[in-house]
Amino acid sequence: MTAVSCPHEHPHSFAPSEELAQRQADRDDLWDFWNEGELRADVVERYEVDSVVVDRRVGDLVVDEDFASAGNGEEGGEALTLVPRFENEYFVVHSLIREDGTTT
């Protein structure tokens, strides 16, 4: 007897498909807003993001000092500051610093 494996027997993730779809939508929104010059603080907080890696090769916006120092907290939310930590011709890595000086 030959065993045939079904491609759905071994999922790539143990998270429910609805959760994976929400994560993808949140990631897409984060980058859409980022490339328009706005940080989605709600997404950053939901997933406890502490760094953002900007990929210049795909055309991600390299933020300026005004964006990086803007109070991006939502109504009643905490302000976040982006601090550049590393940069080369391909990537820029920013740390996210909370209002109280912490990262996640």
N, C-alpha and C. Protein backbone atom coordinates (compact mmCIF):
# COMPACT_ATOMS: atom_id res chain seq x y z
N MET A 1 0.84 -1.17 0.00
CA MET A 1 0.00 0.00 0.00
C MET A 1 0.89 1.24 0.00
N THR A 2 0.60 2.18 -0.86
CA THR A 2 1.36 3.41 -0.97
C THR A 2 0.57 4.53 -0.30
N ALA A 3 1.24 5.26 0.57
CA ALA A 3 0.59 6.39 1.23
C ALA A 3 0.71 7.62 0.34
N VAL A 4 -0.38 8.32 0.18
CA VAL A 4 -0.39 9.55 -0.59
C VAL A 4 -0.65 10.70 0.37
N SER A 5 0.22 11.65 0.31
CA SER A 5 0.11 12.80 1.21
C SER A 5 -0.75 13.88 0.59
N CYS A 6 -1.69 14.38 1.33
CA CYS A 6 -2.53 15.49 0.91
C CYS A 6 -1.80 16.79 1.26
N PRO A 7 -1.75 17.77 0.38
CA PRO A 7 -1.02 19.01 0.68
C PRO A 7 -1.58 19.77 1.87
N HIS A 8 -2.80 19.48 2.27
CA HIS A 8 -3.40 20.19 3.40
C HIS A 8 -3.17 19.48 4.73
N GLU A 9 -2.50 18.35 4.71
CA GLU A 9 -2.25 17.63 5.96
C GLU A 9 -1.20 18.30 6.82
N HIS A 10 -0.29 19.04 6.20
CA HIS A 10 0.81 19.66 6.94
C HIS A 10 0.82 21.16 6.64
N PRO A 11 0.03 21.90 7.41
CA PRO A 11 -0.05 23.33 7.14
C PRO A 11 1.28 24.04 7.41
N HIS A 12 1.47 25.15 6.73
CA HIS A 12 2.67 25.96 6.94
C HIS A 12 2.59 26.73 8.25
N SER A 13 1.41 26.81 8.83
CA SER A 13 1.19 27.53 10.07
C SER A 13 0.10 26.81 10.86
N PHE A 14 0.18 26.94 12.16
CA PHE A 14 -0.85 26.38 13.01
C PHE A 14 -1.93 27.41 13.33
N ALA A 15 -1.74 28.63 12.85
CA ALA A 15 -2.74 29.68 13.07
C ALA A 15 -3.92 29.45 12.12
N PRO A 16 -5.12 29.77 12.58
CA PRO A 16 -6.29 29.63 11.71
C PRO A 16 -6.16 30.53 10.48
N SER A 17 -6.76 30.11 9.38
CA SER A 17 -6.64 30.86 8.13
C SER A 17 -7.18 32.29 8.27
N GLU A 18 -8.21 32.50 9.09
CA GLU A 18 -8.74 33.84 9.29
C GLU A 18 -7.70 34.74 9.95
N GLU A 19 -6.97 34.20 10.91
CA GLU A 19 -5.93 34.97 11.58
C GLU A 19 -4.79 35.30 10.61
N LEU A 20 -4.41 34.33 9.78
CA LEU A 20 -3.36 34.58 8.79
C LEU A 20 -3.79 35.65 7.80
N ALA A 21 -5.06 35.61 7.39
CA ALA A 21 -5.57 36.62 6.46
C ALA A 21 -5.55 38.00 7.12
N GLN A 22 -5.90 38.08 8.40
CA GLN A 22 -5.87 39.37 9.12
C GLN A 22 -4.45 39.89 9.24
N ARG A 23 -3.52 39.00 9.55
CA ARG A 23 -2.11 39.41 9.65
C ARG A 23 -1.61 39.97 8.32
N GLN A 24 -1.96 39.29 7.23
CA GLN A 24 -1.53 39.76 5.90
C GLN A 24 -2.15 41.12 5.59
N ALA A 25 -3.43 41.28 5.90
CA ALA A 25 -4.10 42.56 5.65
C ALA A 25 -3.46 43.67 6.49
N ASP A 26 -3.15 43.37 7.75
CA ASP A 26 -2.49 44.35 8.61
C ASP A 26 -1.10 44.72 8.08
N ARG A 27 -0.36 43.72 7.63
CA ARG A 27 0.98 43.97 7.07
C ARG A 27 0.87 44.85 5.82
N ASP A 28 -0.07 44.52 4.95
CA ASP A 28 -0.26 45.31 3.74
C ASP A 28 -0.65 46.75 4.07
N ASP A 29 -1.57 46.92 5.04
CA ASP A 29 -1.97 48.26 5.47
C ASP A 29 -0.80 49.03 6.06
N LEU A 30 0.00 48.35 6.89
CA LEU A 30 1.16 49.00 7.49
C LEU A 30 2.05 49.61 6.42
N TRP A 31 2.35 48.84 5.38
CA TRP A 31 3.24 49.33 4.32
C TRP A 31 2.56 50.33 3.41
N ASP A 32 1.27 50.17 3.15
CA ASP A 32 0.55 51.16 2.35
C ASP A 32 0.59 52.53 3.04
N PHE A 33 0.28 52.54 4.33
CA PHE A 33 0.30 53.79 5.09
C PHE A 33 1.73 54.32 5.21
N TRP A 34 2.68 53.43 5.48
CA TRP A 34 4.10 53.83 5.60
C TRP A 34 4.53 54.58 4.34
N ASN A 35 4.21 54.01 3.19
CA ASN A 35 4.65 54.61 1.93
C ASN A 35 3.91 55.90 1.59
N GLU A 36 2.84 56.20 2.35
CA GLU A 36 2.15 57.48 2.25
C GLU A 36 2.63 58.44 3.34
N GLY A 37 3.59 58.00 4.16
CA GLY A 37 4.17 58.87 5.19
C GLY A 37 3.50 58.81 6.54
N GLU A 38 2.80 57.71 6.83
CA GLU A 38 2.10 57.58 8.10
C GLU A 38 2.39 56.22 8.73
N LEU A 39 2.61 56.22 10.03
CA LEU A 39 2.85 54.97 10.75
C LEU A 39 1.55 54.47 11.35
N ARG A 40 1.20 53.21 11.09
CA ARG A 40 0.00 52.59 11.68
C ARG A 40 0.35 52.10 13.07
N ALA A 41 0.22 53.01 14.05
CA ALA A 41 0.58 52.68 15.43
C ALA A 41 -0.26 51.53 15.97
N ASP A 42 -1.52 51.42 15.53
CA ASP A 42 -2.38 50.34 16.02
C ASP A 42 -1.83 48.98 15.60
N VAL A 43 -1.32 48.88 14.39
CA VAL A 43 -0.76 47.61 13.91
C VAL A 43 0.55 47.32 14.65
N VAL A 44 1.37 48.35 14.79
CA VAL A 44 2.65 48.20 15.49
C VAL A 44 2.42 47.70 16.91
N GLU A 45 1.44 48.27 17.60
CA GLU A 45 1.16 47.86 18.98
C GLU A 45 0.52 46.47 19.03
N ARG A 46 -0.37 46.17 18.11
CA ARG A 46 -1.05 44.87 18.10
C ARG A 46 -0.05 43.71 18.03
N TYR A 47 0.98 43.89 17.20
CA TYR A 47 1.95 42.82 17.00
C TYR A 47 3.26 43.05 17.77
N GLU A 48 3.26 44.05 18.65
CA GLU A 48 4.41 44.36 19.49
C GLU A 48 5.70 44.49 18.66
N VAL A 49 5.58 45.26 17.58
CA VAL A 49 6.72 45.49 16.69
C VAL A 49 7.73 46.37 17.40
N ASP A 50 9.00 46.00 17.31
CA ASP A 50 10.03 46.86 17.91
C ASP A 50 11.05 47.35 16.88
N SER A 51 10.97 46.86 15.64
CA SER A 51 11.86 47.30 14.57
C SER A 51 11.10 47.28 13.25
N VAL A 52 11.48 48.20 12.37
CA VAL A 52 10.94 48.23 11.02
C VAL A 52 12.12 48.20 10.06
N VAL A 53 12.08 47.26 9.12
CA VAL A 53 13.13 47.15 8.12
C VAL A 53 12.57 47.65 6.79
N VAL A 54 13.12 48.74 6.31
CA VAL A 54 12.70 49.35 5.06
C VAL A 54 13.57 48.78 3.94
N ASP A 55 12.93 48.25 2.92
CA ASP A 55 13.64 47.65 1.78
C ASP A 55 13.64 48.62 0.62
N ARG A 56 14.75 49.25 0.38
CA ARG A 56 14.86 50.22 -0.72
C ARG A 56 14.68 49.55 -2.08
N ARG A 57 15.01 48.27 -2.18
CA ARG A 57 14.94 47.57 -3.47
C ARG A 57 13.53 47.46 -4.00
N VAL A 58 12.53 47.47 -3.10
CA VAL A 58 11.13 47.37 -3.54
C VAL A 58 10.45 48.73 -3.52
N GLY A 59 11.21 49.78 -3.22
CA GLY A 59 10.67 51.13 -3.28
C GLY A 59 10.00 51.61 -2.01
N ASP A 60 10.23 50.95 -0.87
CA ASP A 60 9.66 51.44 0.39
C ASP A 60 10.19 52.84 0.67
N LEU A 61 9.34 53.67 1.23
CA LEU A 61 9.69 55.05 1.58
C LEU A 61 10.75 55.05 2.66
N VAL A 62 11.82 55.78 2.40
CA VAL A 62 12.83 56.01 3.44
C VAL A 62 12.42 57.30 4.12
N VAL A 63 12.01 57.18 5.37
CA VAL A 63 11.41 58.32 6.07
C VAL A 63 12.44 59.37 6.43
N ASP A 64 11.95 60.60 6.55
CA ASP A 64 12.83 61.69 6.96
C ASP A 64 12.68 61.92 8.45
N GLU A 65 13.40 62.92 8.93
CA GLU A 65 13.40 63.20 10.36
C GLU A 65 12.02 63.62 10.87
N ASP A 66 11.25 64.34 10.06
CA ASP A 66 9.91 64.76 10.48
C ASP A 66 9.01 63.57 10.75
N PHE A 67 9.05 62.60 9.85
CA PHE A 67 8.26 61.38 10.04
C PHE A 67 8.74 60.64 11.28
N ALA A 68 10.07 60.51 11.40
CA ALA A 68 10.66 59.72 12.48
C ALA A 68 10.38 60.30 13.86
N SER A 69 10.19 61.62 13.95
CA SER A 69 9.99 62.22 15.27
C SER A 69 8.54 62.60 15.53
N ALA A 70 7.67 62.29 14.58
CA ALA A 70 6.26 62.66 14.74
C ALA A 70 5.60 61.84 15.84
N GLY A 71 4.67 62.45 16.55
CA GLY A 71 3.87 61.71 17.52
C GLY A 71 2.85 60.89 16.74
N ASN A 72 3.07 59.62 16.65
CA ASN A 72 2.21 58.78 15.84
C ASN A 72 1.19 58.02 16.66
N GLY A 73 1.08 58.32 17.95
CA GLY A 73 0.09 57.64 18.76
C GLY A 73 -1.31 58.04 18.34
N GLU A 74 -2.23 57.10 18.34
CA GLU A 74 -3.61 57.41 18.01
C GLU A 74 -4.27 58.07 19.22
N GLU A 75 -5.48 58.53 19.02
CA GLU A 75 -6.24 59.16 20.10
C GLU A 75 -6.16 58.29 21.35
N GLY A 76 -5.55 58.81 22.40
CA GLY A 76 -5.41 58.06 23.64
C GLY A 76 -4.32 57.02 23.61
N GLY A 77 -3.65 56.87 22.47
CA GLY A 77 -2.58 55.88 22.35
C GLY A 77 -1.23 56.50 22.66
N GLU A 78 -0.24 55.68 22.67
CA GLU A 78 1.10 56.11 23.01
C GLU A 78 1.84 56.57 21.76
N ALA A 79 2.60 57.66 21.88
CA ALA A 79 3.39 58.15 20.76
C ALA A 79 4.59 57.23 20.54
N LEU A 80 4.95 57.07 19.29
CA LEU A 80 6.09 56.23 18.91
C LEU A 80 7.10 57.08 18.16
N THR A 81 8.38 56.79 18.38
CA THR A 81 9.45 57.47 17.67
C THR A 81 10.28 56.43 16.94
N LEU A 82 10.61 56.72 15.69
CA LEU A 82 11.49 55.85 14.91
C LEU A 82 12.92 56.36 15.04
N VAL A 83 13.81 55.44 15.37
CA VAL A 83 15.22 55.78 15.50
C VAL A 83 16.00 54.92 14.52
N PRO A 84 16.69 55.54 13.53
CA PRO A 84 17.46 54.73 12.58
C PRO A 84 18.63 54.06 13.30
N ARG A 85 18.80 52.76 13.05
CA ARG A 85 19.86 51.99 13.71
C ARG A 85 20.90 51.48 12.74
N PHE A 86 20.49 51.25 11.49
CA PHE A 86 21.40 50.71 10.48
C PHE A 86 20.90 51.14 9.12
N GLU A 87 21.85 51.41 8.22
CA GLU A 87 21.47 51.79 6.87
C GLU A 87 22.57 51.38 5.91
N ASN A 88 22.15 50.82 4.77
CA ASN A 88 23.08 50.58 3.66
C ASN A 88 22.33 50.85 2.37
N GLU A 89 22.89 50.47 1.25
CA GLU A 89 22.24 50.78 -0.02
C GLU A 89 20.93 50.03 -0.24
N TYR A 90 20.69 48.97 0.52
CA TYR A 90 19.48 48.15 0.34
C TYR A 90 18.43 48.33 1.42
N PHE A 91 18.86 48.53 2.67
CA PHE A 91 17.95 48.52 3.80
C PHE A 91 18.20 49.68 4.75
N VAL A 92 17.12 50.05 5.47
CA VAL A 92 17.23 50.94 6.62
C VAL A 92 16.47 50.25 7.75
N VAL A 93 17.12 50.10 8.89
CA VAL A 93 16.49 49.47 10.05
C VAL A 93 16.23 50.55 11.10
N HIS A 94 14.96 50.65 11.52
CA HIS A 94 14.54 51.60 12.54
C HIS A 94 14.10 50.84 13.78
N SER A 95 14.46 51.35 14.95
CA SER A 95 13.87 50.87 16.20
C SER A 95 12.67 51.75 16.50
N LEU A 96 11.65 51.15 17.09
CA LEU A 96 10.47 51.90 17.54
C LEU A 96 10.60 52.11 19.04
N ILE A 97 10.59 53.36 19.45
CA ILE A 97 10.71 53.71 20.85
C ILE A 97 9.37 54.26 21.33
N ARG A 98 8.87 53.68 22.42
CA ARG A 98 7.60 54.15 22.99
C ARG A 98 7.82 55.44 23.76
N GLU A 99 6.73 56.09 24.08
CA GLU A 99 6.77 57.36 24.80
C GLU A 99 7.55 57.25 26.11
N ASP A 100 7.46 56.09 26.76
CA ASP A 100 8.16 55.91 28.04
C ASP A 100 9.62 55.49 27.86
N GLY A 101 10.09 55.48 26.59
CA GLY A 101 11.50 55.16 26.32
C GLY A 101 11.77 53.69 26.11
N THR A 102 10.74 52.86 26.12
CA THR A 102 10.96 51.42 25.97
C THR A 102 10.64 50.95 24.56
N THR A 103 11.15 49.77 24.25
CA THR A 103 10.74 49.04 23.08
C THR A 103 9.98 47.84 23.60
N THR A 104 9.41 47.04 22.70
CA THR A 104 8.67 45.86 23.19
C THR A 104 9.62 44.78 23.62
